[in-house]
Amino acid sequence: MSEKMFSEEQLEQLRSFPEISADELIRYFTSTAADAAFVSPGGRGPVDRLGVASAALRLYGRRDQTRSDHLDLIAKYLEWQSAPAGSQAMKELEQFLPDRAMEHNSPTLLFNLAHGT
């Protein structure tokens, strides 16, 4: 007999939008000057603005490398780090995840850690 990973209440929460205040809306959905400079540096046309120019979205990604180039730029801007297979970073991640799972008897722990609840 299998158990459900999420309760009905958790599923409803995951399927819906969270309550958000006006302050949170402004804080999380307003571009900073640094964000605007990153998205639209000098010389970049609407199609190359990381897909944020709505009129140009249908043209976005026509060049094969555009999406992966933009993903790399965004990852660097956000200071994300990769963990290539066999690297020390991957070994640490592979150890971190089971350790966190073993600390609690909850099948949703890693999911909750991943999305910040």
PDB file of N, CA and C in Angstrom:
ATOM      1  N   MET A   1       0.837  -1.180   0.000  1.00  0.00           N
ATOM      2  CA  MET A   1       0.000   0.000   0.000  1.00  0.00           C
ATOM      3  C   MET A   1       0.885   1.247   0.000  1.00  0.00           C
ATOM      4  N   SER A   2       0.666   2.119  -0.947  1.00  0.00           N
ATOM      5  CA  SER A   2       1.482   3.328  -1.023  1.00  0.00           C
ATOM      6  C   SER A   2       0.778   4.481  -0.324  1.00  0.00           C
ATOM      7  N   GLU A   3       1.584   5.394   0.210  1.00  0.00           N
ATOM      8  CA  GLU A   3       1.049   6.574   0.862  1.00  0.00           C
ATOM      9  C   GLU A   3       1.212   7.765  -0.067  1.00  0.00           C
ATOM     10  N   LYS A   4       0.314   8.716   0.055  1.00  0.00           N
ATOM     11  CA  LYS A   4       0.436   9.935  -0.729  1.00  0.00           C
ATOM     12  C   LYS A   4       1.568  10.780  -0.162  1.00  0.00           C
ATOM     13  N   MET A   5       2.340  11.384  -1.059  1.00  0.00           N
ATOM     14  CA  MET A   5       3.447  12.223  -0.619  1.00  0.00           C
ATOM     15  C   MET A   5       2.940  13.535  -0.024  1.00  0.00           C
ATOM     16  N   PHE A   6       1.862  14.084  -0.604  1.00  0.00           N
ATOM     17  CA  PHE A   6       1.322  15.350  -0.139  1.00  0.00           C
ATOM     18  C   PHE A   6      -0.130  15.168   0.302  1.00  0.00           C
ATOM     19  N   SER A   7      -0.492  15.887   1.355  1.00  0.00           N
ATOM     20  CA  SER A   7      -1.887  15.885   1.781  1.00  0.00           C
ATOM     21  C   SER A   7      -2.682  16.736   0.791  1.00  0.00           C
ATOM     22  N   GLU A   8      -3.996  16.649   0.866  1.00  0.00           N
ATOM     23  CA  GLU A   8      -4.839  17.466  -0.008  1.00  0.00           C
ATOM     24  C   GLU A   8      -4.590  18.953   0.241  1.00  0.00           C
ATOM     25  N   GLU A   9      -4.397  19.320   1.499  1.00  0.00           N
ATOM     26  CA  GLU A   9      -4.121  20.723   1.840  1.00  0.00           C
ATOM     27  C   GLU A   9      -2.803  21.188   1.222  1.00  0.00           C
ATOM     28  N   GLN A  10      -1.759  20.334   1.286  1.00  0.00           N
ATOM     29  CA  GLN A  10      -0.474  20.686   0.678  1.00  0.00           C
ATOM     30  C   GLN A  10      -0.596  20.801  -0.837  1.00  0.00           C
ATOM     31  N   LEU A  11      -1.337  19.887  -1.450  1.00  0.00           N
ATOM     32  CA  LEU A  11      -1.532  19.956  -2.902  1.00  0.00           C
ATOM     33  C   LEU A  11      -2.249  21.238  -3.299  1.00  0.00           C
ATOM     34  N   GLU A  12      -3.261  21.613  -2.539  1.00  0.00           N
ATOM     35  CA  GLU A  12      -3.986  22.850  -2.830  1.00  0.00           C
ATOM     36  C   GLU A  12      -3.063  24.053  -2.708  1.00  0.00           C
ATOM     37  N   GLN A  13      -2.217  24.049  -1.689  1.00  0.00           N
ATOM     38  CA  GLN A  13      -1.273  25.144  -1.503  1.00  0.00           C
ATOM     39  C   GLN A  13      -0.282  25.215  -2.673  1.00  0.00           C
ATOM     40  N   LEU A  14       0.198  24.080  -3.120  1.00  0.00           N
ATOM     41  CA  LEU A  14       1.145  24.038  -4.235  1.00  0.00           C
ATOM     42  C   LEU A  14       0.503  24.463  -5.552  1.00  0.00           C
ATOM     43  N   ARG A  15      -0.776  24.217  -5.697  1.00  0.00           N
ATOM     44  CA  ARG A  15      -1.494  24.550  -6.934  1.00  0.00           C
ATOM     45  C   ARG A  15      -1.962  26.002  -6.984  1.00  0.00           C
ATOM     46  N   SER A  16      -1.925  26.694  -5.878  1.00  0.00           N
ATOM     47  CA  SER A  16      -2.465  28.051  -5.827  1.00  0.00           C
ATOM     48  C   SER A  16      -1.340  29.075  -5.692  1.00  0.00           C
ATOM     49  N   PHE A  17      -1.722  30.329  -5.863  1.00  0.00           N
ATOM     50  CA  PHE A  17      -0.789  31.426  -5.669  1.00  0.00           C
ATOM     51  C   PHE A  17      -0.781  31.800  -4.199  1.00  0.00           C
ATOM     52  N   PRO A  18       0.383  32.148  -3.668  1.00  0.00           N
ATOM     53  CA  PRO A  18       0.428  32.529  -2.252  1.00  0.00           C
ATOM     54  C   PRO A  18      -0.181  33.911  -2.037  1.00  0.00           C
ATOM     55  N   GLU A  19      -0.609  34.164  -0.810  1.00  0.00           N
ATOM     56  CA  GLU A  19      -1.059  35.504  -0.437  1.00  0.00           C
ATOM     57  C   GLU A  19       0.167  36.406  -0.504  1.00  0.00           C
ATOM     58  N   ILE A  20       0.017  37.586  -1.100  1.00  0.00           N
ATOM     59  CA  ILE A  20       1.161  38.497  -1.215  1.00  0.00           C
ATOM     60  C   ILE A  20       0.680  39.918  -0.967  1.00  0.00           C
ATOM     61  N   SER A  21       1.421  40.629  -0.130  1.00  0.00           N
ATOM     62  CA  SER A  21       1.055  42.008   0.203  1.00  0.00           C
ATOM     63  C   SER A  21       1.567  42.955  -0.880  1.00  0.00           C
ATOM     64  N   ALA A  22       1.093  44.177  -0.840  1.00  0.00           N
ATOM     65  CA  ALA A  22       1.557  45.188  -1.797  1.00  0.00           C
ATOM     66  C   ALA A  22       3.058  45.423  -1.642  1.00  0.00           C
ATOM     67  N   ASP A  23       3.547  45.437  -0.394  1.00  0.00           N
ATOM     68  CA  ASP A  23       4.981  45.624  -0.160  1.00  0.00           C
ATOM     69  C   ASP A  23       5.799  44.480  -0.760  1.00  0.00           C
ATOM     70  N   GLU A  24       5.313  43.254  -0.572  1.00  0.00           N
ATOM     71  CA  GLU A  24       6.008  42.099  -1.155  1.00  0.00           C
ATOM     72  C   GLU A  24       5.963  42.137  -2.676  1.00  0.00           C
ATOM     73  N   LEU A  25       4.844  42.541  -3.214  1.00  0.00           N
ATOM     74  CA  LEU A  25       4.703  42.656  -4.660  1.00  0.00           C
ATOM     75  C   LEU A  25       5.752  43.610  -5.221  1.00  0.00           C
ATOM     76  N   ILE A  26       5.891  44.753  -4.599  1.00  0.00           N
ATOM     77  CA  ILE A  26       6.881  45.739  -5.038  1.00  0.00           C
ATOM     78  C   ILE A  26       8.293  45.196  -4.833  1.00  0.00           C
ATOM     79  N   ARG A  27       8.538  44.598  -3.680  1.00  0.00           N
ATOM     80  CA  ARG A  27       9.885  44.100  -3.360  1.00  0.00           C
ATOM     81  C   ARG A  27      10.352  43.014  -4.316  1.00  0.00           C
ATOM     82  N   TYR A  28       9.498  42.068  -4.643  1.00  0.00           N
ATOM     83  CA  TYR A  28       9.918  40.913  -5.421  1.00  0.00           C
ATOM     84  C   TYR A  28       9.686  41.030  -6.923  1.00  0.00           C
ATOM     85  N   PHE A  29       8.851  41.987  -7.348  1.00  0.00           N
ATOM     86  CA  PHE A  29       8.529  42.057  -8.768  1.00  0.00           C
ATOM     87  C   PHE A  29       8.866  43.400  -9.413  1.00  0.00           C
ATOM     88  N   THR A  30       9.658  44.202  -8.736  1.00  0.00           N
ATOM     89  CA  THR A  30      10.130  45.450  -9.312  1.00  0.00           C
ATOM     90  C   THR A  30      11.618  45.297  -9.599  1.00  0.00           C
ATOM     91  N   SER A  31      11.991  45.585 -10.821  1.00  0.00           N
ATOM     92  CA  SER A  31      13.403  45.477 -11.195  1.00  0.00           C
ATOM     93  C   SER A  31      14.213  46.574 -10.526  1.00  0.00           C
ATOM     94  N   THR A  32      15.389  46.208 -10.060  1.00  0.00           N
ATOM     95  CA  THR A  32      16.313  47.198  -9.519  1.00  0.00           C
ATOM     96  C   THR A  32      17.075  47.830 -10.679  1.00  0.00           C
ATOM     97  N   ALA A  33      17.812  48.878 -10.397  1.00  0.00           N
ATOM     98  CA  ALA A  33      18.641  49.497 -11.438  1.00  0.00           C
ATOM     99  C   ALA A  33      19.659  48.485 -11.961  1.00  0.00           C
ATOM    100  N   ALA A  34      20.201  47.652 -11.069  1.00  0.00           N
ATOM    101  CA  ALA A  34      21.157  46.623 -11.495  1.00  0.00           C
ATOM    102  C   ALA A  34      20.479  45.590 -12.396  1.00  0.00           C
ATOM    103  N   ASP A  35      19.233  45.207 -12.065  1.00  0.00           N
ATOM    104  CA  ASP A  35      18.484  44.264 -12.909  1.00  0.00           C
ATOM    105  C   ASP A  35      18.280  44.847 -14.300  1.00  0.00           C
ATOM    106  N   ALA A  36      17.846  46.108 -14.362  1.00  0.00           N
ATOM    107  CA  ALA A  36      17.593  46.754 -15.652  1.00  0.00           C
ATOM    108  C   ALA A  36      18.872  46.855 -16.468  1.00  0.00           C
ATOM    109  N   ALA A  37      19.981  47.193 -15.825  1.00  0.00           N
ATOM    110  CA  ALA A  37      21.259  47.278 -16.541  1.00  0.00           C
ATOM    111  C   ALA A  37      21.689  45.915 -17.055  1.00  0.00           C
ATOM    112  N   PHE A  38      21.430  44.874 -16.285  1.00  0.00           N
ATOM    113  CA  PHE A  38      21.790  43.520 -16.716  1.00  0.00           C
ATOM    114  C   PHE A  38      20.963  43.087 -17.918  1.00  0.00           C
ATOM    115  N   VAL A  39      19.675  43.353 -17.878  1.00  0.00           N
ATOM    116  CA  VAL A  39      18.774  42.927 -18.944  1.00  0.00           C
ATOM    117  C   VAL A  39      18.990  43.735 -20.217  1.00  0.00           C
ATOM    118  N   SER A  40      19.327  44.998 -20.096  1.00  0.00           N
ATOM    119  CA  SER A  40      19.401  45.855 -21.271  1.00  0.00           C
ATOM    120  C   SER A  40      20.718  46.631 -21.333  1.00  0.00           C
ATOM    121  N   PRO A  41      21.848  45.922 -21.425  1.00  0.00           N
ATOM    122  CA  PRO A  41      23.107  46.657 -21.550  1.00  0.00           C
ATOM    123  C   PRO A  41      23.170  47.337 -22.912  1.00  0.00           C
ATOM    124  N   GLY A  42      24.006  48.348 -23.020  1.00  0.00           N
ATOM    125  CA  GLY A  42      24.136  49.091 -24.271  1.00  0.00           C
ATOM    126  C   GLY A  42      24.376  48.189 -25.465  1.00  0.00           C
ATOM    127  N   GLY A  43      23.684  48.472 -26.542  1.00  0.00           N
ATOM    128  CA  GLY A  43      23.877  47.728 -27.771  1.00  0.00           C
ATOM    129  C   GLY A  43      23.029  46.488 -27.917  1.00  0.00           C
ATOM    130  N   ARG A  44      22.322  46.095 -26.885  1.00  0.00           N
ATOM    131  CA  ARG A  44      21.499  44.886 -26.977  1.00  0.00           C
ATOM    132  C   ARG A  44      20.117  45.268 -27.489  1.00  0.00           C
ATOM    133  N   GLY A  45      19.667  44.610 -28.535  1.00  0.00           N
ATOM    134  CA  GLY A  45      18.362  44.895 -29.113  1.00  0.00           C
ATOM    135  C   GLY A  45      17.250  44.178 -28.366  1.00  0.00           C
ATOM    136  N   PRO A  46      15.989  44.454 -28.731  1.00  0.00           N
ATOM    137  CA  PRO A  46      14.852  43.870 -28.013  1.00  0.00           C
ATOM    138  C   PRO A  46      14.844  42.343 -28.017  1.00  0.00           C
ATOM    139  N   VAL A  47      15.265  41.728 -29.111  1.00  0.00           N
ATOM    140  CA  VAL A  47      15.248  40.268 -29.181  1.00  0.00           C
ATOM    141  C   VAL A  47      16.296  39.660 -28.253  1.00  0.00           C
ATOM    142  N   ASP A  48      17.365  40.387 -27.992  1.00  0.00           N
ATOM    143  CA  ASP A  48      18.447  39.872 -27.156  1.00  0.00           C
ATOM    144  C   ASP A  48      18.350  40.286 -25.697  1.00  0.00           C
ATOM    145  N   ARG A  49      17.254  40.819 -25.277  1.00  0.00           N
ATOM    146  CA  ARG A  49      17.088  41.243 -23.885  1.00  0.00           C
ATOM    147  C   ARG A  49      16.572  40.108 -23.023  1.00  0.00           C
ATOM    148  N   LEU A  50      17.171  38.945 -23.193  1.00  0.00           N
ATOM    149  CA  LEU A  50      16.862  37.775 -22.374  1.00  0.00           C
ATOM    150  C   LEU A  50      15.389  37.396 -22.421  1.00  0.00           C
ATOM    151  N   GLY A  51      14.743  37.684 -23.533  1.00  0.00           N
ATOM    152  CA  GLY A  51      13.359  37.278 -23.696  1.00  0.00           C
ATOM    153  C   GLY A  51      12.364  38.092 -22.907  1.00  0.00           C
ATOM    154  N   VAL A  52      12.750  39.295 -22.438  1.00  0.00           N
ATOM    155  CA  VAL A  52      11.820  40.077 -21.638  1.00  0.00           C
ATOM    156  C   VAL A  52      11.031  41.090 -22.461  1.00  0.00           C
ATOM    157  N   ALA A  53      11.382  41.277 -23.723  1.00  0.00           N
ATOM    158  CA  ALA A  53      10.634  42.222 -24.568  1.00  0.00           C
ATOM    159  C   ALA A  53       9.467  41.462 -25.165  1.00  0.00           C
ATOM    160  N   SER A  54       8.259  41.705 -24.630  1.00  0.00           N
ATOM    161  CA  SER A  54       7.107  40.892 -25.001  1.00  0.00           C
ATOM    162  C   SER A  54       6.817  40.899 -26.494  1.00  0.00           C
ATOM    163  N   ALA A  55       7.009  42.005 -27.172  1.00  0.00           N
ATOM    164  CA  ALA A  55       6.742  42.051 -28.611  1.00  0.00           C
ATOM    165  C   ALA A  55       7.730  41.185 -29.394  1.00  0.00           C
ATOM    166  N   ALA A  56       8.881  40.934 -28.821  1.00  0.00           N
ATOM    167  CA  ALA A  56       9.910  40.181 -29.531  1.00  0.00           C
ATOM    168  C   ALA A  56       9.990  38.717 -29.098  1.00  0.00           C
ATOM    169  N   LEU A  57       9.111  38.277 -28.194  1.00  0.00           N
ATOM    170  CA  LEU A  57       9.205  36.908 -27.684  1.00  0.00           C
ATOM    171  C   LEU A  57       9.122  35.856 -28.783  1.00  0.00           C
ATOM    172  N   ARG A  58       8.310  36.104 -29.800  1.00  0.00           N
ATOM    173  CA  ARG A  58       8.183  35.101 -30.860  1.00  0.00           C
ATOM    174  C   ARG A  58       9.491  34.923 -31.622  1.00  0.00           C
ATOM    175  N   LEU A  59      10.370  35.911 -31.561  1.00  0.00           N
ATOM    176  CA  LEU A  59      11.664  35.817 -32.249  1.00  0.00           C
ATOM    177  C   LEU A  59      12.767  35.272 -31.341  1.00  0.00           C
ATOM    178  N   TYR A  60      12.465  35.216 -30.053  1.00  0.00           N
ATOM    179  CA  TYR A  60      13.489  34.818 -29.087  1.00  0.00           C
ATOM    180  C   TYR A  60      13.965  33.387 -29.324  1.00  0.00           C
ATOM    181  N   GLY A  61      15.245  33.197 -29.272  1.00  0.00           N
ATOM    182  CA  GLY A  61      15.825  31.864 -29.369  1.00  0.00           C
ATOM    183  C   GLY A  61      15.984  31.327 -30.770  1.00  0.00           C
ATOM    184  N   ARG A  62      15.823  32.148 -31.763  1.00  0.00           N
ATOM    185  CA  ARG A  62      16.022  31.662 -33.138  1.00  0.00           C
ATOM    186  C   ARG A  62      17.465  31.221 -33.353  1.00  0.00           C
ATOM    187  N   ARG A  63      18.382  31.924 -32.730  1.00  0.00           N
ATOM    188  CA  ARG A  63      19.789  31.504 -32.798  1.00  0.00           C
ATOM    189  C   ARG A  63      19.950  30.364 -31.794  1.00  0.00           C
ATOM    190  N   ASP A  64      20.510  29.260 -32.214  1.00  0.00           N
ATOM    191  CA  ASP A  64      20.600  28.070 -31.365  1.00  0.00           C
ATOM    192  C   ASP A  64      21.210  28.352 -29.995  1.00  0.00           C
ATOM    193  N   GLN A  65      22.193  29.195 -29.916  1.00  0.00           N
ATOM    194  CA  GLN A  65      22.939  29.419 -28.684  1.00  0.00           C
ATOM    195  C   GLN A  65      22.286  30.450 -27.763  1.00  0.00           C
ATOM    196  N   THR A  66      21.271  31.166 -28.221  1.00  0.00           N
ATOM    197  CA  THR A  66      20.701  32.257 -27.431  1.00  0.00           C
ATOM    198  C   THR A  66      20.259  31.818 -26.047  1.00  0.00           C
ATOM    199  N   ARG A  67      19.454  30.789 -25.966  1.00  0.00           N
ATOM    200  CA  ARG A  67      18.911  30.371 -24.663  1.00  0.00           C
ATOM    201  C   ARG A  67      20.005  29.912 -23.713  1.00  0.00           C
ATOM    202  N   SER A  68      20.943  29.112 -24.196  1.00  0.00           N
ATOM    203  CA  SER A  68      22.003  28.648 -23.289  1.00  0.00           C
ATOM    204  C   SER A  68      22.941  29.797 -22.909  1.00  0.00           C
ATOM    205  N   ASP A  69      23.196  30.723 -23.841  1.00  0.00           N
ATOM    206  CA  ASP A  69      23.999  31.907 -23.499  1.00  0.00           C
ATOM    207  C   ASP A  69      23.322  32.717 -22.407  1.00  0.00           C
ATOM    208  N   HIS A  70      22.014  32.910 -22.541  1.00  0.00           N
ATOM    209  CA  HIS A  70      21.275  33.686 -21.552  1.00  0.00           C
ATOM    210  C   HIS A  70      21.211  32.960 -20.217  1.00  0.00           C
ATOM    211  N   LEU A  71      21.055  31.658 -20.239  1.00  0.00           N
ATOM    212  CA  LEU A  71      21.056  30.893 -18.994  1.00  0.00           C
ATOM    213  C   LEU A  71      22.388  31.069 -18.268  1.00  0.00           C
ATOM    214  N   ASP A  72      23.479  31.013 -19.007  1.00  0.00           N
ATOM    215  CA  ASP A  72      24.805  31.226 -18.403  1.00  0.00           C
ATOM    216  C   ASP A  72      24.927  32.630 -17.810  1.00  0.00           C
ATOM    217  N   LEU A  73      24.459  33.651 -18.548  1.00  0.00           N
ATOM    218  CA  LEU A  73      24.508  35.025 -18.047  1.00  0.00           C
ATOM    219  C   LEU A  73      23.689  35.183 -16.769  1.00  0.00           C
ATOM    220  N   ILE A  74      22.501  34.617 -16.749  1.00  0.00           N
ATOM    221  CA  ILE A  74      21.631  34.720 -15.580  1.00  0.00           C
ATOM    222  C   ILE A  74      22.242  33.999 -14.377  1.00  0.00           C
ATOM    223  N   ALA A  75      22.779  32.815 -14.616  1.00  0.00           N
ATOM    224  CA  ALA A  75      23.409  32.058 -13.528  1.00  0.00           C
ATOM    225  C   ALA A  75      24.569  32.844 -12.917  1.00  0.00           C
ATOM    226  N   LYS A  76      25.374  33.486 -13.762  1.00  0.00           N
ATOM    227  CA  LYS A  76      26.486  34.305 -13.249  1.00  0.00           C
ATOM    228  C   LYS A  76      25.960  35.514 -12.488  1.00  0.00           C
ATOM    229  N   TYR A  77      24.939  36.177 -13.035  1.00  0.00           N
ATOM    230  CA  TYR A  77      24.361  37.361 -12.387  1.00  0.00           C
ATOM    231  C   TYR A  77      23.811  37.015 -11.013  1.00  0.00           C
ATOM    232  N   LEU A  78      23.149  35.872 -10.893  1.00  0.00           N
ATOM    233  CA  LEU A  78      22.566  35.450  -9.619  1.00  0.00           C
ATOM    234  C   LEU A  78      23.556  34.726  -8.716  1.00  0.00           C
ATOM    235  N   GLU A  79      24.778  34.573  -9.229  1.00  0.00           N
ATOM    236  CA  GLU A  79      25.862  33.894  -8.499  1.00  0.00           C
ATOM    237  C   GLU A  79      25.527  32.449  -8.162  1.00  0.00           C
ATOM    238  N   TRP A  80      24.803  31.791  -9.098  1.00  0.00           N
ATOM    239  CA  TRP A  80      24.543  30.369  -8.936  1.00  0.00           C
ATOM    240  C   TRP A  80      25.819  29.608  -9.227  1.00  0.00           C
ATOM    241  N   GLN A  81      25.961  28.479  -8.587  1.00  0.00           N
ATOM    242  CA  GLN A  81      27.131  27.642  -8.812  1.00  0.00           C
ATOM    243  C   GLN A  81      26.688  26.293  -9.329  1.00  0.00           C
ATOM    244  N   SER A  82      27.493  25.720 -10.201  1.00  0.00           N
ATOM    245  CA  SER A  82      27.166  24.396 -10.718  1.00  0.00           C
ATOM    246  C   SER A  82      27.901  23.343  -9.896  1.00  0.00           C
ATOM    247  N   ALA A  83      27.440  22.121 -10.028  1.00  0.00           N
ATOM    248  CA  ALA A  83      28.064  20.993  -9.347  1.00  0.00           C
ATOM    249  C   ALA A  83      28.265  19.892 -10.390  1.00  0.00           C
ATOM    250  N   PRO A  84      29.333  20.008 -11.200  1.00  0.00           N
ATOM    251  CA  PRO A  84      29.558  19.000 -12.252  1.00  0.00           C
ATOM    252  C   PRO A  84      29.742  17.600 -11.667  1.00  0.00           C
ATOM    253  N   ALA A  85      29.348  16.606 -12.423  1.00  0.00           N
ATOM    254  CA  ALA A  85      29.499  15.211 -11.985  1.00  0.00           C
ATOM    255  C   ALA A  85      30.936  14.938 -11.598  1.00  0.00           C
ATOM    256  N   GLY A  86      31.116  14.302 -10.452  1.00  0.00           N
ATOM    257  CA  GLY A  86      32.441  13.928  -9.981  1.00  0.00           C
ATOM    258  C   GLY A  86      33.192  15.036  -9.258  1.00  0.00           C
ATOM    259  N   SER A  87      32.669  16.249  -9.250  1.00  0.00           N
ATOM    260  CA  SER A  87      33.353  17.366  -8.584  1.00  0.00           C
ATOM    261  C   SER A  87      33.146  17.304  -7.071  1.00  0.00           C
ATOM    262  N   GLN A  88      33.954  18.051  -6.351  1.00  0.00           N
ATOM    263  CA  GLN A  88      33.810  18.129  -4.902  1.00  0.00           C
ATOM    264  C   GLN A  88      32.451  18.725  -4.539  1.00  0.00           C
ATOM    265  N   ALA A  89      32.000  19.721  -5.321  1.00  0.00           N
ATOM    266  CA  ALA A  89      30.694  20.338  -5.060  1.00  0.00           C
ATOM    267  C   ALA A  89      29.571  19.308  -5.186  1.00  0.00           C
ATOM    268  N   MET A  90      29.651  18.433  -6.199  1.00  0.00           N
ATOM    269  CA  MET A  90      28.626  17.401  -6.374  1.00  0.00           C
ATOM    270  C   MET A  90      28.688  16.386  -5.237  1.00  0.00           C
ATOM    271  N   LYS A  91      29.884  16.021  -4.814  1.00  0.00           N
ATOM    272  CA  LYS A  91      30.018  15.087  -3.696  1.00  0.00           C
ATOM    273  C   LYS A  91      29.392  15.668  -2.432  1.00  0.00           C
ATOM    274  N   GLU A  92      29.615  16.973  -2.203  1.00  0.00           N
ATOM    275  CA  GLU A  92      29.022  17.625  -1.031  1.00  0.00           C
ATOM    276  C   GLU A  92      27.500  17.674  -1.139  1.00  0.00           C
ATOM    277  N   LEU A  93      26.987  17.952  -2.331  1.00  0.00           N
ATOM    278  CA  LEU A  93      25.538  17.975  -2.534  1.00  0.00           C
ATOM    279  C   LEU A  93      24.944  16.581  -2.348  1.00  0.00           C
ATOM    280  N   GLU A  94      25.623  15.571  -2.897  1.00  0.00           N
ATOM    281  CA  GLU A  94      25.141  14.194  -2.759  1.00  0.00           C
ATOM    282  C   GLU A  94      25.133  13.749  -1.302  1.00  0.00           C
ATOM    283  N   GLN A  95      25.996  14.308  -0.480  1.00  0.00           N
ATOM    284  CA  GLN A  95      26.001  13.987   0.943  1.00  0.00           C
ATOM    285  C   GLN A  95      24.968  14.826   1.693  1.00  0.00           C
ATOM    286  N   PHE A  96      24.824  16.091   1.311  1.00  0.00           N
ATOM    287  CA  PHE A  96      23.903  17.004   1.984  1.00  0.00           C
ATOM    288  C   PHE A  96      22.459  16.521   1.898  1.00  0.00           C
ATOM    289  N   LEU A  97      22.015  16.130   0.705  1.00  0.00           N
ATOM    290  CA  LEU A  97      20.613  15.759   0.521  1.00  0.00           C
ATOM    291  C   LEU A  97      20.195  14.550   1.363  1.00  0.00           C
ATOM    292  N   PRO A  98      20.935  13.426   1.335  1.00  0.00           N
ATOM    293  CA  PRO A  98      20.531  12.306   2.203  1.00  0.00           C
ATOM    294  C   PRO A  98      20.631  12.637   3.693  1.00  0.00           C
ATOM    295  N   ASP A  99      21.639  13.443   4.063  1.00  0.00           N
ATOM    296  CA  ASP A  99      21.758  13.838   5.471  1.00  0.00           C
ATOM    297  C   ASP A  99      20.513  14.585   5.926  1.00  0.00           C
ATOM    298  N   ARG A 100      20.031  15.527   5.103  1.00  0.00           N
ATOM    299  CA  ARG A 100      18.826  16.271   5.464  1.00  0.00           C
ATOM    300  C   ARG A 100      17.621  15.339   5.504  1.00  0.00           C
ATOM    301  N   ALA A 101      17.536  14.416   4.570  1.00  0.00           N
ATOM    302  CA  ALA A 101      16.410  13.482   4.538  1.00  0.00           C
ATOM    303  C   ALA A 101      16.418  12.569   5.762  1.00  0.00           C
ATOM    304  N   MET A 102      17.605  12.178   6.212  1.00  0.00           N
ATOM    305  CA  MET A 102      17.710  11.273   7.362  1.00  0.00           C
ATOM    306  C   MET A 102      17.427  11.983   8.685  1.00  0.00           C
ATOM    307  N   GLU A 103      17.544  13.311   8.707  1.00  0.00           N
ATOM    308  CA  GLU A 103      17.287  14.059   9.937  1.00  0.00           C
ATOM    309  C   GLU A 103      15.811  14.051  10.323  1.00  0.00           C
ATOM    310  N   HIS A 104      14.955  13.865   9.333  1.00  0.00           N
ATOM    311  CA  HIS A 104      13.515  13.926   9.569  1.00  0.00           C
ATOM    312  C   HIS A 104      12.832  12.767   8.865  1.00  0.00           C
ATOM    313  N   ASN A 105      11.763  12.299   9.439  1.00  0.00           N
ATOM    314  CA  ASN A 105      10.996  11.226   8.829  1.00  0.00           C
ATOM    315  C   ASN A 105       9.860  11.843   8.009  1.00  0.00           C
ATOM    316  N   SER A 106      10.243  12.502   6.911  1.00  0.00           N
ATOM    317  CA  SER A 106       9.251  13.193   6.096  1.00  0.00           C
ATOM    318  C   SER A 106       9.618  13.059   4.625  1.00  0.00           C
ATOM    319  N   PRO A 107       8.754  12.460   3.819  1.00  0.00           N
ATOM    320  CA  PRO A 107       9.083  12.312   2.393  1.00  0.00           C
ATOM    321  C   PRO A 107       9.070  13.642   1.648  1.00  0.00           C
ATOM    322  N   THR A 108       8.525  14.680   2.267  1.00  0.00           N
ATOM    323  CA  THR A 108       8.463  15.977   1.587  1.00  0.00           C
ATOM    324  C   THR A 108       9.594  16.917   1.996  1.00  0.00           C
ATOM    325  N   LEU A 109      10.499  16.482   2.863  1.00  0.00           N
ATOM    326  CA  LEU A 109      11.529  17.378   3.384  1.00  0.00           C
ATOM    327  C   LEU A 109      12.368  18.004   2.278  1.00  0.00           C
ATOM    328  N   LEU A 110      12.924  17.202   1.396  1.00  0.00           N
ATOM    329  CA  LEU A 110      13.792  17.749   0.355  1.00  0.00           C
ATOM    330  C   LEU A 110      13.018  18.670  -0.576  1.00  0.00           C
ATOM    331  N   PHE A 111      11.770  18.311  -0.858  1.00  0.00           N
ATOM    332  CA  PHE A 111      10.944  19.182  -1.688  1.00  0.00           C
ATOM    333  C   PHE A 111      10.762  20.541  -0.994  1.00  0.00           C
ATOM    334  N   ASN A 112      10.433  20.508   0.287  1.00  0.00           N
ATOM    335  CA  ASN A 112      10.225  21.745   1.018  1.00  0.00           C
ATOM    336  C   ASN A 112      11.518  22.565   1.122  1.00  0.00           C
ATOM    337  N   LEU A 113      12.649  21.928   1.334  1.00  0.00           N
ATOM    338  CA  LEU A 113      13.912  22.642   1.356  1.00  0.00           C
ATOM    339  C   LEU A 113      14.195  23.286   0.002  1.00  0.00           C
ATOM    340  N   ALA A 114      13.865  22.584  -1.060  1.00  0.00           N
ATOM    341  CA  ALA A 114      14.155  23.088  -2.396  1.00  0.00           C
ATOM    342  C   ALA A 114      13.340  24.318  -2.739  1.00  0.00           C
ATOM    343  N   HIS A 115      12.089  24.397  -2.286  1.00  0.00           N
ATOM    344  CA  HIS A 115      11.294  25.554  -2.659  1.00  0.00           C
ATOM    345  C   HIS A 115      11.094  26.526  -1.497  1.00  0.00           C
ATOM    346  N   GLY A 116      11.808  26.313  -0.399  1.00  0.00           N
ATOM    347  CA  GLY A 116      11.878  27.313   0.656  1.00  0.00           C
ATOM    348  C   GLY A 116      10.724  27.422   1.615  1.00  0.00           C
ATOM    349  N   THR A 117      10.014  26.332   1.873  1.00  0.00           N
ATOM    350  CA  THR A 117       8.946  26.426   2.870  1.00  0.00           C
ATOM    351  C   THR A 117       9.374  25.759   4.156  1.00  0.00           C
TER     352      THR A 117
END
